[in-house]
Amino acid sequence: MRLILAVVVLLTAQGAAAATRKGAEPALKPLGTPKTEKKAPPPPPAPAAAEEPIPAGGEKRVALVESAPPRGVDKRVVQKAVFVAEAELRAQGWEPIPPQTVGASYAKSNKKVPSCGDAGFCLAQIGRAVGAGYVANITMAAAGKSFTVKLTVVDSADAQIVANIAGLVAKSDETTVGDAVKRQVPRALAALQKHDAERQEALAAAARPVETKPVVVEPEKPKVEPPPEPPPAPAAPVVVAKPIKPKVSGELSGMRATSVVLMVAGAAGIGTGAVVFGWQAQAAAADFKAGKDPLVARETALSRAHTADAVMGVGAAVLLTGAVLLFMEPSSSSVALTPAPGGVGIAGTF
């Protein structure tokens, strides 16, 4: 009985709650499109401060930037490397600006020095902010068990990277990294000095006045055409005359020329035997009579005498042969042989 009464009471309560929700539905319907509240637009960003140009003398200033060391490397290692670079720059006549001064300059504007790495545009902004012509940044990075140490120099005027020199070190202690930077600074300074000289030369060239020469335009001269050339005259006929070979009287025939040559050769042989070898035989005979090495003188005299006889005999035979040939050819020429000292002379008409 109590259970039935409880069920009736529960059903009655649910019906009342449903009726209440049904009657309240019209009140929950929206009366119209809700108006969206317009938020005020955000204020425009403040314009960036204008970058001041590099002051006079700033071309010799180098702002030094200290980058964060890699994981596991003490911050004092990078500080030592920056200190070494500062000392080397100062020793070479440059004016380095240490990182503390760069940070203090940014702190005046409630700013922090940006972490640029080796980005040229970012580093150039730092240089212009502190009035330095150049910016030098030293960064370290892990490379396996070793570390890379890189020195980057940027021109503050045009954000051009002047030098970007990297080296590998096995240890990350202050001495090793400092020595690596000390070796890199001279190479960076060489590139820096070359770049500065080229810039100064370009500025001087731009400051020089450009000479302009007046352009003289000459009036165009009228073209004068030459008169036409007359036609060429007809060529005269060329008559080739055959050369007339003059007849030479008294030409020697073949047999006569041979006979003359033989007689000349024979006469030359007789003269050679009589004069040359005969004289040598007489000289050797005189030495034999004087008792100068009689054996050798006697042999020499006999040998030269025999040679003279043989040469004269051959010359006489040749001369005789030529004379025979000359007499055998029918001609009106006359030849006479006359004895001469040391030989025979030939006279006649040919």
Protein backbone atom coordinates (compact mmCIF):
# COMPACT_ATOMS: atom_id res chain seq x y z
CA MET A 1 0.00 0.00 0.00
CA ARG A 2 2.86 2.34 0.84
CA LEU A 3 4.61 1.41 -2.41
CA ILE A 4 1.55 2.29 -4.49
CA LEU A 5 1.21 5.62 -2.67
CA ALA A 6 4.86 6.47 -3.37
CA VAL A 7 4.49 5.72 -7.09
CA VAL A 8 1.41 7.97 -7.32
CA VAL A 9 3.23 10.82 -5.58
CA LEU A 10 6.24 10.43 -7.97
CA LEU A 11 4.04 10.52 -11.07
CA THR A 12 2.23 13.59 -9.80
CA ALA A 13 5.49 15.42 -9.21
CA GLN A 14 6.81 14.60 -12.73
CA GLY A 15 3.58 15.88 -14.32
CA ALA A 16 3.83 19.15 -12.45
CA ALA A 17 7.42 19.62 -13.47
CA ALA A 18 6.51 18.96 -17.15
CA ALA A 19 3.70 21.47 -17.03
CA THR A 20 5.99 24.02 -15.48
CA ARG A 21 8.58 23.56 -18.28
CA LYS A 22 5.84 23.76 -20.93
CA GLY A 23 4.49 27.00 -19.58
CA ALA A 24 7.94 28.52 -19.35
CA GLU A 25 8.98 27.74 -22.93
CA PRO A 26 7.52 30.96 -24.42
CA ALA A 27 9.56 32.98 -21.97
CA LEU A 28 12.77 31.27 -23.13
CA LYS A 29 12.25 32.09 -26.83
CA PRO A 30 14.39 34.98 -28.02
CA LEU A 31 12.51 38.18 -28.68
CA GLY A 32 14.86 39.24 -31.53
CA THR A 33 18.40 38.96 -32.95
CA PRO A 34 20.82 39.77 -30.17
CA LYS A 35 23.10 42.70 -30.84
CA THR A 36 26.82 41.88 -31.02
CA GLU A 37 28.94 44.23 -29.04
CA LYS A 38 31.65 45.85 -31.21
CA LYS A 39 35.10 45.80 -29.68
CA ALA A 40 37.31 48.82 -30.10
CA PRO A 41 40.11 48.26 -32.71
CA PRO A 42 43.58 47.81 -31.24
CA PRO A 43 45.78 50.87 -31.39
CA PRO A 44 48.26 50.94 -34.30
CA PRO A 45 51.78 49.82 -33.44
CA ALA A 46 54.12 52.56 -32.50
CA PRO A 47 56.49 53.47 -35.34
CA ALA A 48 59.98 52.13 -34.98
CA ALA A 49 62.60 54.59 -33.96
CA ALA A 50 64.54 55.95 -36.91
CA GLU A 51 68.04 54.54 -37.16
CA GLU A 52 70.64 57.25 -36.87
CA PRO A 53 73.44 57.30 -39.46
CA ILE A 54 76.88 56.19 -38.41
CA PRO A 55 78.68 59.20 -36.91
CA ALA A 56 82.01 60.50 -38.13
CA GLY A 57 84.84 58.18 -37.10
CA GLY A 58 82.48 55.25 -36.74
CA GLU A 59 84.16 53.48 -39.67
CA LYS A 60 86.93 52.40 -37.31
CA ARG A 61 84.55 51.15 -34.60
CA VAL A 62 83.70 47.46 -34.31
CA ALA A 63 80.84 46.44 -32.03
CA LEU A 64 81.43 43.06 -30.38
CA VAL A 65 78.42 40.78 -29.83
CA GLU A 66 78.50 37.93 -27.36
CA SER A 67 76.31 34.99 -28.38
CA ALA A 68 74.92 32.32 -26.07
CA PRO A 69 77.17 29.25 -25.77
CA PRO A 70 75.93 25.81 -26.79
CA ARG A 71 74.67 23.33 -24.23
CA GLY A 72 77.40 22.06 -21.95
CA VAL A 73 79.79 24.98 -22.61
CA ASP A 74 80.51 27.52 -19.90
CA LYS A 75 79.56 31.11 -20.70
CA ARG A 76 83.02 32.24 -19.68
CA VAL A 77 84.47 30.43 -22.72
CA VAL A 78 82.60 32.75 -25.13
CA GLN A 79 83.48 35.74 -22.96
CA LYS A 80 87.16 34.81 -23.16
CA ALA A 81 86.94 34.50 -26.96
CA VAL A 82 85.32 37.96 -27.22
CA PHE A 83 88.03 39.39 -24.97
CA VAL A 84 90.74 37.95 -27.23
CA ALA A 85 89.06 39.45 -30.30
CA GLU A 86 88.80 42.83 -28.58
CA ALA A 87 92.51 42.83 -27.72
CA GLU A 88 93.54 41.87 -31.28
CA LEU A 89 91.34 44.58 -32.83
CA ARG A 90 92.68 47.23 -30.49
CA ALA A 91 96.27 46.20 -31.24
CA GLN A 92 95.63 46.71 -34.99
CA GLY A 93 94.36 50.28 -34.57
CA TRP A 94 90.63 49.60 -34.50
CA GLU A 95 88.20 50.82 -31.80
CA PRO A 96 86.29 47.82 -30.45
CA ILE A 97 83.07 48.32 -28.48
CA PRO A 98 82.78 45.53 -25.87
CA PRO A 99 79.49 43.63 -25.37
CA GLN A 100 78.90 45.37 -22.01
CA THR A 101 78.82 48.77 -23.72
CA VAL A 102 76.52 47.44 -26.45
CA GLY A 103 74.14 46.05 -23.81
CA ALA A 104 74.17 49.31 -21.84
CA SER A 105 73.26 51.25 -24.99
CA TYR A 106 70.23 49.01 -25.56
CA ALA A 107 69.28 49.15 -21.86
CA LYS A 108 68.80 52.91 -22.13
CA SER A 109 65.81 52.20 -24.40
CA ASN A 110 64.60 49.31 -22.20
CA LYS A 111 65.63 46.81 -24.87
CA LYS A 112 67.83 43.77 -25.01
CA VAL A 113 70.53 43.02 -27.53
CA PRO A 114 68.93 40.72 -30.13
CA SER A 115 70.35 37.26 -30.67
CA CYS A 116 71.34 37.41 -34.34
CA GLY A 117 73.70 34.50 -34.85
CA ASP A 118 75.37 35.25 -38.20
CA ALA A 119 72.38 37.06 -39.79
CA GLY A 120 73.86 40.10 -41.52
CA PHE A 121 70.79 42.36 -41.40
CA CYS A 122 70.25 41.79 -37.67
CA LEU A 123 73.92 42.42 -36.84
CA ALA A 124 73.94 45.58 -38.98
CA GLN A 125 71.07 46.98 -36.89
CA ILE A 126 73.16 46.48 -33.74
CA GLY A 127 76.08 48.30 -35.33
CA ARG A 128 73.96 51.27 -36.37
CA ALA A 129 72.35 51.40 -32.91
CA VAL A 130 75.72 51.90 -31.19
CA GLY A 131 77.32 54.01 -33.94
CA ALA A 132 79.82 51.38 -35.12
CA GLY A 133 80.81 50.89 -38.74
CA TYR A 134 81.19 47.13 -38.30
CA VAL A 135 79.92 44.34 -36.04
CA ALA A 136 81.89 41.25 -35.02
CA ASN A 137 80.00 38.24 -33.66
CA ILE A 138 81.56 35.06 -32.22
CA THR A 139 79.39 31.95 -32.13
CA MET A 140 79.99 28.36 -31.00
CA ALA A 141 78.12 25.23 -32.03
CA ALA A 142 78.52 21.56 -31.22
CA ALA A 143 79.83 19.35 -34.04
CA GLY A 144 79.78 15.82 -32.71
CA LYS A 145 82.43 15.59 -30.03
CA SER A 146 84.06 18.80 -31.30
CA PHE A 147 82.94 22.41 -31.55
CA THR A 148 82.91 24.98 -34.34
CA VAL A 149 84.06 28.51 -33.57
CA LYS A 150 82.95 31.12 -36.12
CA LEU A 151 83.87 34.79 -36.39
CA THR A 152 81.47 36.89 -38.48
CA VAL A 153 82.13 40.53 -39.43
CA VAL A 154 79.30 42.60 -40.98
CA ASP A 155 79.25 46.08 -42.48
CA SER A 156 76.69 48.15 -40.57
CA ALA A 157 75.98 50.41 -43.54
CA ASP A 158 74.76 47.82 -46.04
CA ALA A 159 74.54 44.61 -43.94
CA GLN A 160 77.18 42.98 -46.15
CA ILE A 161 79.10 40.09 -44.59
CA VAL A 162 82.75 41.10 -44.85
CA ALA A 163 84.25 37.96 -43.25
CA ASN A 164 82.80 34.66 -42.11
CA ILE A 165 85.64 32.47 -40.77
CA ALA A 166 84.97 29.15 -39.02
CA GLY A 167 87.27 26.71 -37.28
CA LEU A 168 86.97 23.35 -35.53
CA VAL A 169 88.27 22.76 -31.98
CA ALA A 170 88.41 19.52 -30.06
CA LYS A 171 87.92 21.09 -26.63
CA SER A 172 85.64 23.81 -25.34
CA ASP A 173 87.96 25.30 -22.72
CA GLU A 174 88.87 28.98 -22.63
CA THR A 175 92.45 28.51 -23.87
CA THR A 176 91.57 26.37 -26.91
CA VAL A 177 88.69 28.58 -28.04
CA GLY A 178 90.70 31.75 -27.39
CA ASP A 179 93.60 30.50 -29.50
CA ALA A 180 91.20 29.63 -32.32
CA VAL A 181 89.74 33.15 -32.28
CA LYS A 182 93.23 34.65 -32.14
CA ARG A 183 94.07 32.82 -35.39
CA GLN A 184 90.83 33.96 -37.04
CA VAL A 185 91.12 37.67 -36.22
CA PRO A 186 94.06 38.45 -38.62
CA ARG A 187 92.21 36.86 -41.54
CA ALA A 188 89.07 38.81 -40.68
CA LEU A 189 91.08 42.04 -40.36
CA ALA A 190 92.64 41.50 -43.78
CA ALA A 191 89.19 41.18 -45.34
CA LEU A 192 87.96 44.13 -43.27
CA GLN A 193 90.80 46.41 -44.37
CA LYS A 194 90.32 45.45 -48.01
CA HIS A 195 86.60 46.14 -47.78
CA ASP A 196 87.19 49.48 -46.04
CA ALA A 197 89.72 50.55 -48.68
CA GLU A 198 87.32 49.65 -51.50
CA ARG A 199 84.54 51.61 -49.82
CA GLN A 200 86.73 54.67 -49.30
CA GLU A 201 87.81 54.49 -52.95
CA ALA A 202 84.18 54.27 -54.08
CA LEU A 203 83.25 57.27 -51.92
CA ALA A 204 86.17 59.29 -53.31
CA ALA A 205 85.20 58.36 -56.87
CA ALA A 206 81.62 59.40 -56.23
CA ALA A 207 82.78 62.75 -54.79
CA ARG A 208 84.92 63.60 -57.81
CA PRO A 209 83.14 65.83 -60.33
CA VAL A 210 82.36 64.22 -63.61
CA GLU A 211 83.91 66.07 -66.50
CA THR A 212 81.50 66.58 -69.33
CA LYS A 213 82.90 67.47 -72.71
CA PRO A 214 80.70 69.32 -75.17
CA VAL A 215 79.66 67.22 -78.09
CA VAL A 216 80.51 68.89 -81.36
CA VAL A 217 78.25 67.80 -84.16
CA GLU A 218 79.88 68.42 -87.51
CA PRO A 219 77.60 69.15 -90.43
CA GLU A 220 77.31 66.34 -92.85
CA LYS A 221 79.30 66.99 -95.98
CA PRO A 222 77.57 66.35 -99.28
CA LYS A 223 78.79 63.31 -101.04
CA VAL A 224 80.59 64.05 -104.30
CA GLU A 225 80.44 61.18 -106.71
CA PRO A 226 83.55 60.81 -108.91
CA PRO A 227 83.03 60.93 -112.69
CA PRO A 228 82.66 57.58 -114.37
CA GLU A 229 85.88 56.07 -115.57
CA PRO A 230 86.38 55.80 -119.35
CA PRO A 231 86.23 52.34 -120.84
CA PRO A 232 89.61 50.69 -121.09
CA ALA A 233 91.38 50.85 -124.45
CA PRO A 234 91.65 47.59 -126.37
CA ALA A 235 94.87 45.81 -125.68
CA ALA A 236 97.43 45.81 -128.49
CA PRO A 237 98.24 42.41 -129.95
CA VAL A 238 101.35 40.89 -128.54
CA VAL A 239 103.78 39.57 -131.11
CA VAL A 240 106.21 37.03 -129.73
CA ALA A 241 109.40 37.01 -131.76
CA LYS A 242 111.42 33.87 -131.81
CA PRO A 243 114.99 34.48 -130.74
CA ILE A 244 117.49 34.02 -133.53
CA LYS A 245 120.45 32.02 -132.38
CA PRO A 246 123.57 33.52 -133.86
CA LYS A 247 125.86 31.19 -135.59
CA VAL A 248 129.26 31.15 -133.96
CA SER A 249 132.06 30.32 -136.26
CA GLY A 250 134.87 28.13 -135.11
CA GLU A 251 132.79 25.95 -132.73
CA LEU A 252 134.63 22.88 -131.61
CA SER A 253 133.23 19.52 -132.57
CA GLY A 254 133.04 16.63 -130.15
CA MET A 255 136.26 14.92 -131.25
CA ARG A 256 138.16 18.18 -131.44
CA ALA A 257 137.05 19.20 -127.91
CA THR A 258 138.07 15.80 -126.57
CA SER A 259 141.47 16.02 -128.21
CA VAL A 260 142.06 19.49 -126.76
CA VAL A 261 141.11 18.33 -123.26
CA LEU A 262 143.41 15.32 -123.51
CA MET A 263 146.31 17.41 -124.71
CA VAL A 264 145.82 19.95 -121.89
CA ALA A 265 145.59 17.16 -119.30
CA GLY A 266 148.70 15.48 -120.71
CA ALA A 267 150.64 18.73 -120.64
CA ALA A 268 149.55 19.32 -117.05
CA GLY A 269 150.70 15.82 -116.11
CA ILE A 270 154.12 16.33 -117.72
CA GLY A 271 154.49 19.67 -115.94
CA THR A 272 153.47 18.20 -112.58
CA GLY A 273 155.90 15.31 -112.87
CA ALA A 274 158.77 17.49 -114.03
CA VAL A 275 158.27 20.40 -111.63
CA VAL A 276 156.81 18.97 -108.44
CA PHE A 277 158.20 15.48 -108.12
CA GLY A 278 161.40 16.37 -110.02
CA TRP A 279 162.09 19.20 -107.61
CA GLN A 280 161.46 16.93 -104.62
CA ALA A 281 163.86 14.30 -106.04
CA GLN A 282 166.57 16.95 -106.54
CA ALA A 283 166.10 18.23 -102.98
CA ALA A 284 166.42 14.71 -101.56
CA ALA A 285 169.55 14.11 -103.69
CA ALA A 286 171.09 17.33 -102.34
CA ASP A 287 170.41 16.12 -98.74
CA PHE A 288 172.04 12.79 -99.59
CA LYS A 289 175.14 14.52 -100.91
CA ALA A 290 175.26 16.79 -97.87
CA GLY A 291 175.15 13.73 -95.56
CA LYS A 292 171.80 14.60 -93.92
CA ASP A 293 170.30 11.24 -93.03
CA PRO A 294 171.70 9.62 -96.18
CA LEU A 295 169.53 6.46 -96.06
CA VAL A 296 166.25 8.33 -95.87
CA ALA A 297 167.44 10.97 -98.37
CA ARG A 298 168.47 8.29 -100.86
CA GLU A 299 165.13 6.46 -100.62
CA THR A 300 163.23 9.72 -100.94
CA ALA A 301 165.24 10.82 -103.98
CA LEU A 302 164.71 7.49 -105.76
CA SER A 303 160.96 7.43 -104.89
CA ARG A 304 160.34 11.02 -106.09
CA ALA A 305 162.37 10.39 -109.26
CA HIS A 306 160.35 7.27 -110.12
CA THR A 307 157.09 9.14 -109.42
CA ALA A 308 158.18 12.03 -111.64
CA ASP A 309 159.03 9.64 -114.44
CA ALA A 310 155.67 7.85 -114.12
CA VAL A 311 153.61 11.07 -114.06
CA MET A 312 155.52 12.51 -117.00
CA GLY A 313 155.09 9.25 -118.93
CA VAL A 314 151.30 9.21 -118.35
CA GLY A 315 151.07 12.90 -119.27
CA ALA A 316 153.01 12.31 -122.45
CA ALA A 317 150.73 9.39 -123.42
CA VAL A 318 147.60 11.47 -122.82
CA LEU A 319 149.07 14.39 -124.74
CA LEU A 320 149.95 12.12 -127.62
CA THR A 321 146.45 10.62 -127.68
CA GLY A 322 144.88 14.05 -127.86
CA ALA A 323 147.20 15.08 -130.66
CA VAL A 324 146.35 11.94 -132.66
CA LEU A 325 142.60 12.61 -132.27
CA LEU A 326 143.08 16.20 -133.34
CA PHE A 327 145.04 15.22 -136.44
CA MET A 328 142.50 12.50 -137.36
CA GLU A 329 139.54 14.98 -137.68
CA PRO A 330 139.46 16.71 -141.06
CA SER A 331 139.71 20.47 -140.54
CA SER A 332 141.73 23.42 -141.57
CA SER A 333 143.11 23.91 -138.08
CA SER A 334 146.82 23.58 -137.51
CA VAL A 335 148.51 22.56 -134.29
CA ALA A 336 152.18 22.76 -133.44
CA LEU A 337 153.99 21.22 -130.48
CA THR A 338 156.91 23.22 -129.15
CA PRO A 339 159.17 22.15 -126.32
CA ALA A 340 159.03 24.38 -123.23
CA PRO A 341 160.88 24.42 -119.91
CA GLY A 342 159.45 21.63 -117.81
CA GLY A 343 156.95 20.44 -120.49
CA VAL A 344 155.58 20.83 -124.03
CA GLY A 345 153.69 23.85 -125.43
CA ILE A 346 150.69 23.66 -127.81
CA ALA A 347 150.17 26.29 -130.47
CA GLY A 348 147.83 26.38 -133.41
CA THR A 349 144.54 27.60 -134.84
CA PHE A 350 141.21 25.91 -134.14
